[in-house]
Amino acid sequence: MRRIVPNICSNDIEKSKQFYTEFLGMDVAMDLGWIVTFASNENTTAQISIFRNNENKPLDNSAIFLSVEVSNIDNWFQRAKKQKIEIVYPITNESWGVRRFFVKDPNGATINLLSHYV
């Protein structure tokens, strides 16, 4: 395998663009209107795609749970608070060596932002 790209359905592509570019700092790698792929500017194989929900059914993305490793987790936590991103698990030092917190993206998916510590 060369890469795996998670896909999330969205009822609001514009809110997703704002979350993934402004909060996570990703670049738009492809935008076809019905699908937008975001890529890390540090590692272009780290990607996520957001698909437009054409069925107009309510979404249940609550089961989607993504982990994103970042540097300086405390800066990310302050950034989330400043941008009023929904934090659903507080910043915590876990016993297995990660410091992390969870946010919700505009589509209901949970994003686990984490850094390893010694």
PDB file of N, CA and C in Angstrom:
ATOM      1  N   MET A   1       0.835  -1.191   0.000  1.00  0.00           N
ATOM      2  CA  MET A   1       0.000   0.000   0.000  1.00  0.00           C
ATOM      3  C   MET A   1       0.869   1.240   0.000  1.00  0.00           C
ATOM      4  N   ARG A   2       0.440   2.218  -0.736  1.00  0.00           N
ATOM      5  CA  ARG A   2       1.174   3.484  -0.777  1.00  0.00           C
ATOM      6  C   ARG A   2       0.539   4.534   0.116  1.00  0.00           C
ATOM      7  N   ARG A   3      -0.791   4.495   0.251  1.00  0.00           N
ATOM      8  CA  ARG A   3      -1.472   5.428   1.142  1.00  0.00           C
ATOM      9  C   ARG A   3      -2.904   4.968   1.328  1.00  0.00           C
ATOM     10  N   ILE A   4      -3.517   5.461   2.371  1.00  0.00           N
ATOM     11  CA  ILE A   4      -4.930   5.244   2.628  1.00  0.00           C
ATOM     12  C   ILE A   4      -5.526   6.616   2.894  1.00  0.00           C
ATOM     13  N   VAL A   5      -6.612   6.938   2.205  1.00  0.00           N
ATOM     14  CA  VAL A   5      -7.244   8.241   2.355  1.00  0.00           C
ATOM     15  C   VAL A   5      -8.643   8.048   2.939  1.00  0.00           C
ATOM     16  N   PRO A   6      -8.886   8.559   4.142  1.00  0.00           N
ATOM     17  CA  PRO A   6     -10.240   8.485   4.686  1.00  0.00           C
ATOM     18  C   PRO A   6     -11.171   9.429   3.942  1.00  0.00           C
ATOM     19  N   ASN A   7     -12.436   9.048   3.843  1.00  0.00           N
ATOM     20  CA  ASN A   7     -13.449   9.846   3.155  1.00  0.00           C
ATOM     21  C   ASN A   7     -14.604  10.100   4.122  1.00  0.00           C
ATOM     22  N   ILE A   8     -15.092  11.336   4.134  1.00  0.00           N
ATOM     23  CA  ILE A   8     -16.199  11.729   5.000  1.00  0.00           C
ATOM     24  C   ILE A   8     -17.258  12.401   4.133  1.00  0.00           C
ATOM     25  N   CYS A   9     -18.526  12.062   4.367  1.00  0.00           N
ATOM     26  CA  CYS A   9     -19.629  12.743   3.684  1.00  0.00           C
ATOM     27  C   CYS A   9     -19.932  14.051   4.400  1.00  0.00           C
ATOM     28  N   SER A  10     -20.393  15.035   3.628  1.00  0.00           N
ATOM     29  CA  SER A  10     -20.645  16.357   4.192  1.00  0.00           C
ATOM     30  C   SER A  10     -21.921  16.962   3.638  1.00  0.00           C
ATOM     31  N   ASN A  11     -22.653  17.641   4.518  1.00  0.00           N
ATOM     32  CA  ASN A  11     -23.787  18.461   4.091  1.00  0.00           C
ATOM     33  C   ASN A  11     -23.365  19.908   3.875  1.00  0.00           C
ATOM     34  N   ASP A  12     -22.115  20.245   4.201  1.00  0.00           N
ATOM     35  CA  ASP A  12     -21.633  21.620   4.061  1.00  0.00           C
ATOM     36  C   ASP A  12     -20.145  21.601   3.711  1.00  0.00           C
ATOM     37  N   ILE A  13     -19.876  21.529   2.412  1.00  0.00           N
ATOM     38  CA  ILE A  13     -18.494  21.474   1.922  1.00  0.00           C
ATOM     39  C   ILE A  13     -17.712  22.720   2.341  1.00  0.00           C
ATOM     40  N   GLU A  14     -18.350  23.892   2.338  1.00  0.00           N
ATOM     41  CA  GLU A  14     -17.649  25.132   2.677  1.00  0.00           C
ATOM     42  C   GLU A  14     -17.175  25.130   4.133  1.00  0.00           C
ATOM     43  N   LYS A  15     -17.995  24.646   5.059  1.00  0.00           N
ATOM     44  CA  LYS A  15     -17.560  24.549   6.460  1.00  0.00           C
ATOM     45  C   LYS A  15     -16.404  23.566   6.586  1.00  0.00           C
ATOM     46  N   SER A  16     -16.450  22.496   5.801  1.00  0.00           N
ATOM     47  CA  SER A  16     -15.356  21.526   5.813  1.00  0.00           C
ATOM     48  C   SER A  16     -14.076  22.168   5.296  1.00  0.00           C
ATOM     49  N   LYS A  17     -14.170  22.936   4.228  1.00  0.00           N
ATOM     50  CA  LYS A  17     -12.989  23.633   3.701  1.00  0.00           C
ATOM     51  C   LYS A  17     -12.383  24.534   4.771  1.00  0.00           C
ATOM     52  N   GLN A  18     -13.233  25.257   5.463  1.00  0.00           N
ATOM     53  CA  GLN A  18     -12.759  26.165   6.505  1.00  0.00           C
ATOM     54  C   GLN A  18     -12.060  25.379   7.622  1.00  0.00           C
ATOM     55  N   PHE A  19     -12.664  24.294   8.090  1.00  0.00           N
ATOM     56  CA  PHE A  19     -12.084  23.491   9.169  1.00  0.00           C
ATOM     57  C   PHE A  19     -10.729  22.911   8.763  1.00  0.00           C
ATOM     58  N   TYR A  20     -10.677  22.257   7.605  1.00  0.00           N
ATOM     59  CA  TYR A  20      -9.458  21.555   7.222  1.00  0.00           C
ATOM     60  C   TYR A  20      -8.343  22.488   6.746  1.00  0.00           C
ATOM     61  N   THR A  21      -8.680  23.654   6.209  1.00  0.00           N
ATOM     62  CA  THR A  21      -7.626  24.586   5.803  1.00  0.00           C
ATOM     63  C   THR A  21      -7.254  25.548   6.925  1.00  0.00           C
ATOM     64  N   GLU A  22      -8.250  26.155   7.570  1.00  0.00           N
ATOM     65  CA  GLU A  22      -7.949  27.173   8.570  1.00  0.00           C
ATOM     66  C   GLU A  22      -7.542  26.575   9.912  1.00  0.00           C
ATOM     67  N   PHE A  23      -8.230  25.535  10.363  1.00  0.00           N
ATOM     68  CA  PHE A  23      -7.858  24.948  11.655  1.00  0.00           C
ATOM     69  C   PHE A  23      -6.704  23.960  11.507  1.00  0.00           C
ATOM     70  N   LEU A  24      -6.855  22.935  10.660  1.00  0.00           N
ATOM     71  CA  LEU A  24      -5.788  21.942  10.529  1.00  0.00           C
ATOM     72  C   LEU A  24      -4.635  22.405   9.642  1.00  0.00           C
ATOM     73  N   GLY A  25      -4.828  23.476   8.886  1.00  0.00           N
ATOM     74  CA  GLY A  25      -3.741  24.014   8.072  1.00  0.00           C
ATOM     75  C   GLY A  25      -3.390  23.177   6.855  1.00  0.00           C
ATOM     76  N   MET A  26      -4.347  22.394   6.368  1.00  0.00           N
ATOM     77  CA  MET A  26      -4.101  21.563   5.192  1.00  0.00           C
ATOM     78  C   MET A  26      -4.321  22.371   3.923  1.00  0.00           C
ATOM     79  N   ASP A  27      -3.760  21.892   2.836  1.00  0.00           N
ATOM     80  CA  ASP A  27      -3.936  22.510   1.529  1.00  0.00           C
ATOM     81  C   ASP A  27      -5.033  21.782   0.761  1.00  0.00           C
ATOM     82  N   VAL A  28      -5.758  22.499  -0.072  1.00  0.00           N
ATOM     83  CA  VAL A  28      -6.716  21.859  -0.975  1.00  0.00           C
ATOM     84  C   VAL A  28      -5.904  21.273  -2.124  1.00  0.00           C
ATOM     85  N   ALA A  29      -5.881  19.945  -2.217  1.00  0.00           N
ATOM     86  CA  ALA A  29      -5.130  19.258  -3.272  1.00  0.00           C
ATOM     87  C   ALA A  29      -5.984  19.072  -4.522  1.00  0.00           C
ATOM     88  N   MET A  30      -7.316  18.966  -4.332  1.00  0.00           N
ATOM     89  CA  MET A  30      -8.238  18.782  -5.449  1.00  0.00           C
ATOM     90  C   MET A  30      -9.611  19.262  -5.004  1.00  0.00           C
ATOM     91  N   ASP A  31     -10.275  20.001  -5.877  1.00  0.00           N
ATOM     92  CA  ASP A  31     -11.631  20.467  -5.584  1.00  0.00           C
ATOM     93  C   ASP A  31     -12.463  20.340  -6.855  1.00  0.00           C
ATOM     94  N   LEU A  32     -13.328  19.322  -6.878  1.00  0.00           N
ATOM     95  CA  LEU A  32     -14.197  19.101  -8.026  1.00  0.00           C
ATOM     96  C   LEU A  32     -15.629  19.531  -7.732  1.00  0.00           C
ATOM     97  N   GLY A  33     -15.825  20.212  -6.598  1.00  0.00           N
ATOM     98  CA  GLY A  33     -17.160  20.646  -6.225  1.00  0.00           C
ATOM     99  C   GLY A  33     -17.894  19.593  -5.416  1.00  0.00           C
ATOM    100  N   TRP A  34     -17.953  18.384  -5.897  1.00  0.00           N
ATOM    101  CA  TRP A  34     -18.632  17.294  -5.206  1.00  0.00           C
ATOM    102  C   TRP A  34     -17.685  16.515  -4.290  1.00  0.00           C
ATOM    103  N   ILE A  35     -16.387  16.710  -4.477  1.00  0.00           N
ATOM    104  CA  ILE A  35     -15.359  16.122  -3.620  1.00  0.00           C
ATOM    105  C   ILE A  35     -14.222  17.125  -3.481  1.00  0.00           C
ATOM    106  N   VAL A  36     -13.720  17.243  -2.251  1.00  0.00           N
ATOM    107  CA  VAL A  36     -12.546  18.080  -1.990  1.00  0.00           C
ATOM    108  C   VAL A  36     -11.549  17.208  -1.239  1.00  0.00           C
ATOM    109  N   THR A  37     -10.311  17.156  -1.751  1.00  0.00           N
ATOM    110  CA  THR A  37      -9.252  16.416  -1.083  1.00  0.00           C
ATOM    111  C   THR A  37      -8.274  17.414  -0.488  1.00  0.00           C
ATOM    112  N   PHE A  38      -7.968  17.194   0.790  1.00  0.00           N
ATOM    113  CA  PHE A  38      -7.032  18.042   1.516  1.00  0.00           C
ATOM    114  C   PHE A  38      -5.761  17.249   1.761  1.00  0.00           C
ATOM    115  N   ALA A  39      -4.605  17.939   1.700  1.00  0.00           N
ATOM    116  CA  ALA A  39      -3.320  17.287   1.935  1.00  0.00           C
ATOM    117  C   ALA A  39      -2.483  18.133   2.885  1.00  0.00           C
ATOM    118  N   SER A  40      -1.713  17.447   3.698  1.00  0.00           N
ATOM    119  CA  SER A  40      -0.771  18.136   4.571  1.00  0.00           C
ATOM    120  C   SER A  40       0.301  18.796   3.726  1.00  0.00           C
ATOM    121  N   ASN A  41       0.684  20.015   4.099  1.00  0.00           N
ATOM    122  CA  ASN A  41       1.761  20.662   3.338  1.00  0.00           C
ATOM    123  C   ASN A  41       3.131  20.140   3.769  1.00  0.00           C
ATOM    124  N   GLU A  42       3.189  19.367   4.863  1.00  0.00           N
ATOM    125  CA  GLU A  42       4.439  18.751   5.319  1.00  0.00           C
ATOM    126  C   GLU A  42       4.609  17.342   4.766  1.00  0.00           C
ATOM    127  N   ASN A  43       3.491  16.656   4.509  1.00  0.00           N
ATOM    128  CA  ASN A  43       3.516  15.276   4.042  1.00  0.00           C
ATOM    129  C   ASN A  43       2.319  15.106   3.108  1.00  0.00           C
ATOM    130  N   THR A  44       2.528  15.234   1.814  1.00  0.00           N
ATOM    131  CA  THR A  44       1.413  15.271   0.865  1.00  0.00           C
ATOM    132  C   THR A  44       0.648  13.958   0.762  1.00  0.00           C
ATOM    133  N   THR A  45       1.185  12.861   1.303  1.00  0.00           N
ATOM    134  CA  THR A  45       0.412  11.618   1.305  1.00  0.00           C
ATOM    135  C   THR A  45      -0.541  11.545   2.494  1.00  0.00           C
ATOM    136  N   ALA A  46      -0.436  12.479   3.427  1.00  0.00           N
ATOM    137  CA  ALA A  46      -1.397  12.578   4.535  1.00  0.00           C
ATOM    138  C   ALA A  46      -2.583  13.388   4.014  1.00  0.00           C
ATOM    139  N   GLN A  47      -3.671  12.691   3.666  1.00  0.00           N
ATOM    140  CA  GLN A  47      -4.804  13.320   3.002  1.00  0.00           C
ATOM    141  C   GLN A  47      -6.127  12.877   3.609  1.00  0.00           C
ATOM    142  N   ILE A  48      -7.149  13.671   3.334  1.00  0.00           N
ATOM    143  CA  ILE A  48      -8.532  13.334   3.669  1.00  0.00           C
ATOM    144  C   ILE A  48      -9.408  13.908   2.567  1.00  0.00           C
ATOM    145  N   SER A  49     -10.455  13.179   2.207  1.00  0.00           N
ATOM    146  CA  SER A  49     -11.393  13.668   1.194  1.00  0.00           C
ATOM    147  C   SER A  49     -12.764  13.858   1.816  1.00  0.00           C
ATOM    148  N   ILE A  50     -13.433  14.921   1.406  1.00  0.00           N
ATOM    149  CA  ILE A  50     -14.785  15.223   1.860  1.00  0.00           C
ATOM    150  C   ILE A  50     -15.696  15.153   0.640  1.00  0.00           C
ATOM    151  N   PHE A  51     -16.731  14.323   0.729  1.00  0.00           N
ATOM    152  CA  PHE A  51     -17.691  14.132  -0.361  1.00  0.00           C
ATOM    153  C   PHE A  51     -18.985  14.862  -0.043  1.00  0.00           C
ATOM    154  N   ARG A  52     -19.557  15.500  -1.041  1.00  0.00           N
ATOM    155  CA  ARG A  52     -20.868  16.134  -0.869  1.00  0.00           C
ATOM    156  C   ARG A  52     -21.928  15.056  -0.707  1.00  0.00           C
ATOM    157  N   ASN A  53     -22.813  15.242   0.255  1.00  0.00           N
ATOM    158  CA  ASN A  53     -23.931  14.335   0.482  1.00  0.00           C
ATOM    159  C   ASN A  53     -25.028  14.682  -0.516  1.00  0.00           C
ATOM    160  N   ASN A  54     -25.085  13.957  -1.605  1.00  0.00           N
ATOM    161  CA  ASN A  54     -26.077  14.235  -2.652  1.00  0.00           C
ATOM    162  C   ASN A  54     -27.443  13.656  -2.339  1.00  0.00           C
ATOM    163  N   GLU A  55     -27.533  12.790  -1.336  1.00  0.00           N
ATOM    164  CA  GLU A  55     -28.810  12.153  -1.017  1.00  0.00           C
ATOM    165  C   GLU A  55     -29.651  12.994  -0.072  1.00  0.00           C
ATOM    166  N   ASN A  56     -29.072  14.064   0.469  1.00  0.00           N
ATOM    167  CA  ASN A  56     -29.764  14.955   1.398  1.00  0.00           C
ATOM    168  C   ASN A  56     -30.367  14.217   2.584  1.00  0.00           C
ATOM    169  N   LYS A  57     -29.762  13.104   2.954  1.00  0.00           N
ATOM    170  CA  LYS A  57     -30.180  12.382   4.151  1.00  0.00           C
ATOM    171  C   LYS A  57     -29.345  12.891   5.316  1.00  0.00           C
ATOM    172  N   PRO A  58     -29.889  12.815   6.523  1.00  0.00           N
ATOM    173  CA  PRO A  58     -29.066  13.182   7.682  1.00  0.00           C
ATOM    174  C   PRO A  58     -27.818  12.306   7.741  1.00  0.00           C
ATOM    175  N   LEU A  59     -26.705  12.900   8.119  1.00  0.00           N
ATOM    176  CA  LEU A  59     -25.448  12.173   8.197  1.00  0.00           C
ATOM    177  C   LEU A  59     -25.242  11.607   9.592  1.00  0.00           C
ATOM    178  N   ASP A  60     -24.634  10.447   9.658  1.00  0.00           N
ATOM    179  CA  ASP A  60     -24.187   9.923  10.937  1.00  0.00           C
ATOM    180  C   ASP A  60     -22.705   9.600  10.804  1.00  0.00           C
ATOM    181  N   ASN A  61     -21.895  10.650  10.924  1.00  0.00           N
ATOM    182  CA  ASN A  61     -20.446  10.481  10.882  1.00  0.00           C
ATOM    183  C   ASN A  61     -19.882  10.314  12.287  1.00  0.00           C
ATOM    184  N   SER A  62     -20.765  10.074  13.265  1.00  0.00           N
ATOM    185  CA  SER A  62     -20.303   9.970  14.645  1.00  0.00           C
ATOM    186  C   SER A  62     -19.399   8.765  14.867  1.00  0.00           C
ATOM    187  N   ALA A  63     -19.464   7.771  14.002  1.00  0.00           N
ATOM    188  CA  ALA A  63     -18.614   6.596  14.157  1.00  0.00           C
ATOM    189  C   ALA A  63     -17.229   6.809  13.543  1.00  0.00           C
ATOM    190  N   ILE A  64     -17.029   7.903  12.809  1.00  0.00           N
ATOM    191  CA  ILE A  64     -15.733   8.181  12.189  1.00  0.00           C
ATOM    192  C   ILE A  64     -14.819   8.794  13.239  1.00  0.00           C
ATOM    193  N   PHE A  65     -13.639   8.215  13.381  1.00  0.00           N
ATOM    194  CA  PHE A  65     -12.682   8.640  14.391  1.00  0.00           C
ATOM    195  C   PHE A  65     -11.302   8.607  13.758  1.00  0.00           C
ATOM    196  N   LEU A  66     -10.707   9.768  13.525  1.00  0.00           N
ATOM    197  CA  LEU A  66      -9.405   9.862  12.873  1.00  0.00           C
ATOM    198  C   LEU A  66      -8.359  10.338  13.872  1.00  0.00           C
ATOM    199  N   SER A  67      -7.157   9.822  13.780  1.00  0.00           N
ATOM    200  CA  SER A  67      -6.046  10.292  14.600  1.00  0.00           C
ATOM    201  C   SER A  67      -5.058  11.042  13.716  1.00  0.00           C
ATOM    202  N   VAL A  68      -4.659  12.225  14.181  1.00  0.00           N
ATOM    203  CA  VAL A  68      -3.720  13.061  13.442  1.00  0.00           C
ATOM    204  C   VAL A  68      -2.590  13.428  14.395  1.00  0.00           C
ATOM    205  N   GLU A  69      -1.385  12.968  14.088  1.00  0.00           N
ATOM    206  CA  GLU A  69      -0.231  13.313  14.916  1.00  0.00           C
ATOM    207  C   GLU A  69       0.310  14.665  14.485  1.00  0.00           C
ATOM    208  N   VAL A  70       0.520  15.534  15.460  1.00  0.00           N
ATOM    209  CA  VAL A  70       0.997  16.893  15.205  1.00  0.00           C
ATOM    210  C   VAL A  70       2.178  17.181  16.116  1.00  0.00           C
ATOM    211  N   SER A  71       2.907  18.239  15.802  1.00  0.00           N
ATOM    212  CA  SER A  71       3.941  18.697  16.725  1.00  0.00           C
ATOM    213  C   SER A  71       3.329  19.787  17.600  1.00  0.00           C
ATOM    214  N   ASN A  72       3.820  19.922  18.789  1.00  0.00           N
ATOM    215  CA  ASN A  72       3.389  20.932  19.754  1.00  0.00           C
ATOM    216  C   ASN A  72       1.878  20.934  19.976  1.00  0.00           C
ATOM    217  N   ILE A  73       1.400  19.889  20.587  1.00  0.00           N
ATOM    218  CA  ILE A  73      -0.032  19.701  20.818  1.00  0.00           C
ATOM    219  C   ILE A  73      -0.654  20.849  21.598  1.00  0.00           C
ATOM    220  N   ASP A  74       0.101  21.470  22.498  1.00  0.00           N
ATOM    221  CA  ASP A  74      -0.457  22.579  23.274  1.00  0.00           C
ATOM    222  C   ASP A  74      -0.825  23.769  22.393  1.00  0.00           C
ATOM    223  N   ASN A  75      -0.014  24.028  21.368  1.00  0.00           N
ATOM    224  CA  ASN A  75      -0.362  25.102  20.415  1.00  0.00           C
ATOM    225  C   ASN A  75      -1.648  24.766  19.675  1.00  0.00           C
ATOM    226  N   TRP A  76      -1.814  23.491  19.303  1.00  0.00           N
ATOM    227  CA  TRP A  76      -3.031  23.063  18.609  1.00  0.00           C
ATOM    228  C   TRP A  76      -4.250  23.211  19.501  1.00  0.00           C
ATOM    229  N   PHE A  77      -4.091  22.896  20.780  1.00  0.00           N
ATOM    230  CA  PHE A  77      -5.206  23.026  21.719  1.00  0.00           C
ATOM    231  C   PHE A  77      -5.616  24.498  21.855  1.00  0.00           C
ATOM    232  N   GLN A  78      -4.639  25.385  21.987  1.00  0.00           N
ATOM    233  CA  GLN A  78      -4.946  26.821  22.079  1.00  0.00           C
ATOM    234  C   GLN A  78      -5.604  27.322  20.796  1.00  0.00           C
ATOM    235  N   ARG A  79      -5.129  26.824  19.669  1.00  0.00           N
ATOM    236  CA  ARG A  79      -5.703  27.184  18.372  1.00  0.00           C
ATOM    237  C   ARG A  79      -7.167  26.761  18.290  1.00  0.00           C
ATOM    238  N   ALA A  80      -7.477  25.540  18.754  1.00  0.00           N
ATOM    239  CA  ALA A  80      -8.859  25.049  18.739  1.00  0.00           C
ATOM    240  C   ALA A  80      -9.747  25.931  19.611  1.00  0.00           C
ATOM    241  N   LYS A  81      -9.265  26.286  20.798  1.00  0.00           N
ATOM    242  CA  LYS A  81     -10.059  27.148  21.679  1.00  0.00           C
ATOM    243  C   LYS A  81     -10.268  28.529  21.050  1.00  0.00           C
ATOM    244  N   LYS A  82      -9.230  29.080  20.473  1.00  0.00           N
ATOM    245  CA  LYS A  82      -9.314  30.418  19.852  1.00  0.00           C
ATOM    246  C   LYS A  82     -10.304  30.428  18.688  1.00  0.00           C
ATOM    247  N   GLN A  83     -10.298  29.367  17.885  1.00  0.00           N
ATOM    248  CA  GLN A  83     -11.179  29.292  16.720  1.00  0.00           C
ATOM    249  C   GLN A  83     -12.553  28.732  17.068  1.00  0.00           C
ATOM    250  N   LYS A  84     -12.784  28.470  18.360  1.00  0.00           N
ATOM    251  CA  LYS A  84     -14.065  27.956  18.841  1.00  0.00           C
ATOM    252  C   LYS A  84     -14.454  26.628  18.173  1.00  0.00           C
ATOM    253  N   ILE A  85     -13.435  25.783  17.980  1.00  0.00           N
ATOM    254  CA  ILE A  85     -13.652  24.433  17.476  1.00  0.00           C
ATOM    255  C   ILE A  85     -14.220  23.602  18.628  1.00  0.00           C
ATOM    256  N   GLU A  86     -15.194  22.759  18.354  1.00  0.00           N
ATOM    257  CA  GLU A  86     -15.812  21.944  19.401  1.00  0.00           C
ATOM    258  C   GLU A  86     -14.822  20.908  19.937  1.00  0.00           C
ATOM    259  N   ILE A  87     -14.411  21.063  21.184  1.00  0.00           N
ATOM    260  CA  ILE A  87     -13.504  20.129  21.845  1.00  0.00           C
ATOM    261  C   ILE A  87     -14.364  19.136  22.623  1.00  0.00           C
ATOM    262  N   VAL A  88     -14.207  17.842  22.307  1.00  0.00           N
ATOM    263  CA  VAL A  88     -15.057  16.825  22.927  1.00  0.00           C
ATOM    264  C   VAL A  88     -14.303  15.914  23.897  1.00  0.00           C
ATOM    265  N   TYR A  89     -12.998  16.110  24.013  1.00  0.00           N
ATOM    266  CA  TYR A  89     -12.178  15.405  25.000  1.00  0.00           C
ATOM    267  C   TYR A  89     -11.049  16.358  25.348  1.00  0.00           C
ATOM    268  N   PRO A  90     -10.884  16.689  26.616  1.00  0.00           N
ATOM    269  CA  PRO A  90      -9.900  17.713  26.990  1.00  0.00           C
ATOM    270  C   PRO A  90      -8.467  17.248  26.781  1.00  0.00           C
ATOM    271  N   ILE A  91      -7.567  18.200  26.710  1.00  0.00           N
ATOM    272  CA  ILE A  91      -6.160  17.841  26.550  1.00  0.00           C
ATOM    273  C   ILE A  91      -5.728  17.014  27.753  1.00  0.00           C
ATOM    274  N   THR A  92      -5.117  15.861  27.462  1.00  0.00           N
ATOM    275  CA  THR A  92      -4.824  14.870  28.492  1.00  0.00           C
ATOM    276  C   THR A  92      -3.497  14.190  28.189  1.00  0.00           C
ATOM    277  N   ASN A  93      -2.691  13.977  29.228  1.00  0.00           N
ATOM    278  CA  ASN A  93      -1.503  13.128  29.110  1.00  0.00           C
ATOM    279  C   ASN A  93      -1.942  11.699  29.397  1.00  0.00           C
ATOM    280  N   GLU A  94      -1.881  10.842  28.403  1.00  0.00           N
ATOM    281  CA  GLU A  94      -2.305   9.458  28.562  1.00  0.00           C
ATOM    282  C   GLU A  94      -1.135   8.608  29.058  1.00  0.00           C
ATOM    283  N   SER A  95      -1.444   7.543  29.757  1.00  0.00           N
ATOM    284  CA  SER A  95      -0.416   6.689  30.366  1.00  0.00           C
ATOM    285  C   SER A  95       0.460   5.974  29.342  1.00  0.00           C
ATOM    286  N   TRP A  96       0.009   5.883  28.094  1.00  0.00           N
ATOM    287  CA  TRP A  96       0.785   5.177  27.063  1.00  0.00           C
ATOM    288  C   TRP A  96       1.676   6.116  26.255  1.00  0.00           C
ATOM    289  N   GLY A  97       1.852   7.365  26.746  1.00  0.00           N
ATOM    290  CA  GLY A  97       2.865   8.242  26.160  1.00  0.00           C
ATOM    291  C   GLY A  97       2.391   9.223  25.113  1.00  0.00           C
ATOM    292  N   VAL A  98       1.090   9.509  25.057  1.00  0.00           N
ATOM    293  CA  VAL A  98       0.616  10.552  24.141  1.00  0.00           C
ATOM    294  C   VAL A  98      -0.115  11.627  24.933  1.00  0.00           C
ATOM    295  N   ARG A  99       0.000  12.836  24.450  1.00  0.00           N
ATOM    296  CA  ARG A  99      -0.782  13.969  24.948  1.00  0.00           C
ATOM    297  C   ARG A  99      -1.739  14.282  23.824  1.00  0.00           C
ATOM    298  N   ARG A 100      -3.045  14.359  24.140  1.00  0.00           N
ATOM    299  CA  ARG A 100      -4.029  14.468  23.063  1.00  0.00           C
ATOM    300  C   ARG A 100      -5.289  15.181  23.526  1.00  0.00           C
ATOM    301  N   PHE A 101      -6.072  15.568  22.516  1.00  0.00           N
ATOM    302  CA  PHE A 101      -7.436  16.054  22.728  1.00  0.00           C
ATOM    303  C   PHE A 101      -8.230  15.742  21.473  1.00  0.00           C
ATOM    304  N   PHE A 102      -9.565  15.732  21.601  1.00  0.00           N
ATOM    305  CA  PHE A 102     -10.432  15.407  20.468  1.00  0.00           C
ATOM    306  C   PHE A 102     -11.258  16.638  20.111  1.00  0.00           C
ATOM    307  N   VAL A 103     -11.471  16.826  18.803  1.00  0.00           N
ATOM    308  CA  VAL A 103     -12.387  17.850  18.301  1.00  0.00           C
ATOM    309  C   VAL A 103     -13.376  17.189  17.353  1.00  0.00           C
ATOM    310  N   LYS A 104     -14.469  17.887  17.086  1.00  0.00           N
ATOM    311  CA  LYS A 104     -15.436  17.444  16.074  1.00  0.00           C
ATOM    312  C   LYS A 104     -15.238  18.293  14.831  1.00  0.00           C
ATOM    313  N   ASP A 105     -15.216  17.645  13.667  1.00  0.00           N
ATOM    314  CA  ASP A 105     -15.197  18.416  12.433  1.00  0.00           C
ATOM    315  C   ASP A 105     -16.637  18.832  12.129  1.00  0.00           C
ATOM    316  N   PRO A 106     -16.877  19.700  11.130  1.00  0.00           N
ATOM    317  CA  PRO A 106     -18.239  20.176  10.868  1.00  0.00           C
ATOM    318  C   PRO A 106     -19.220  19.087  10.459  1.00  0.00           C
ATOM    319  N   ASN A 107     -18.713  17.895  10.127  1.00  0.00           N
ATOM    320  CA  ASN A 107     -19.563  16.802   9.664  1.00  0.00           C
ATOM    321  C   ASN A 107     -19.860  15.785  10.758  1.00  0.00           C
ATOM    322  N   GLY A 108     -19.344  16.013  11.960  1.00  0.00           N
ATOM    323  CA  GLY A 108     -19.594  15.113  13.079  1.00  0.00           C
ATOM    324  C   GLY A 108     -18.511  14.078  13.316  1.00  0.00           C
ATOM    325  N   ALA A 109     -17.468  14.066  12.493  1.00  0.00           N
ATOM    326  CA  ALA A 109     -16.361  13.126  12.700  1.00  0.00           C
ATOM    327  C   ALA A 109     -15.490  13.617  13.853  1.00  0.00           C
ATOM    328  N   THR A 110     -14.991  12.682  14.658  1.00  0.00           N
ATOM    329  CA  THR A 110     -14.099  13.020  15.757  1.00  0.00           C
ATOM    330  C   THR A 110     -12.656  12.959  15.269  1.00  0.00           C
ATOM    331  N   ILE A 111     -11.899  14.014  15.572  1.00  0.00           N
ATOM    332  CA  ILE A 111     -10.478  14.080  15.206  1.00  0.00           C
ATOM    333  C   ILE A 111      -9.663  14.043  16.500  1.00  0.00           C
ATOM    334  N   ASN A 112      -8.826  13.044  16.641  1.00  0.00           N
ATOM    335  CA  ASN A 112      -7.931  12.873  17.781  1.00  0.00           C
ATOM    336  C   ASN A 112      -6.601  13.507  17.410  1.00  0.00           C
ATOM    337  N   LEU A 113      -6.313  14.679  17.966  1.00  0.00           N
ATOM    338  CA  LEU A 113      -5.026  15.343  17.721  1.00  0.00           C
ATOM    339  C   LEU A 113      -4.085  14.934  18.835  1.00  0.00           C
ATOM    340  N   LEU A 114      -2.882  14.476  18.467  1.00  0.00           N
ATOM    341  CA  LEU A 114      -1.979  13.930  19.474  1.00  0.00           C
ATOM    342  C   LEU A 114      -0.522  14.215  19.163  1.00  0.00           C
ATOM    343  N   SER A 115       0.272  14.212  20.217  1.00  0.00           N
ATOM    344  CA  SER A 115       1.735  14.241  20.137  1.00  0.00           C
ATOM    345  C   SER A 115       2.251  13.203  21.109  1.00  0.00           C
ATOM    346  N   HIS A 116       3.363  12.596  20.779  1.00  0.00           N
ATOM    347  CA  HIS A 116       4.010  11.656  21.696  1.00  0.00           C
ATOM    348  C   HIS A 116       4.907  12.438  22.646  1.00  0.00           C
ATOM    349  N   TYR A 117       5.018  11.968  23.873  1.00  0.00           N
ATOM    350  CA  TYR A 117       5.933  12.568  24.828  1.00  0.00           C
ATOM    351  C   TYR A 117       6.722  11.464  25.496  1.00  0.00           C
ATOM    352  N   VAL A 118       7.807  11.848  26.120  1.00  0.00           N
ATOM    353  CA  VAL A 118       8.682  10.855  26.758  1.00  0.00           C
ATOM    354  C   VAL A 118       8.306  10.702  28.218  1.00  0.00           C
TER     355      VAL A 118
END
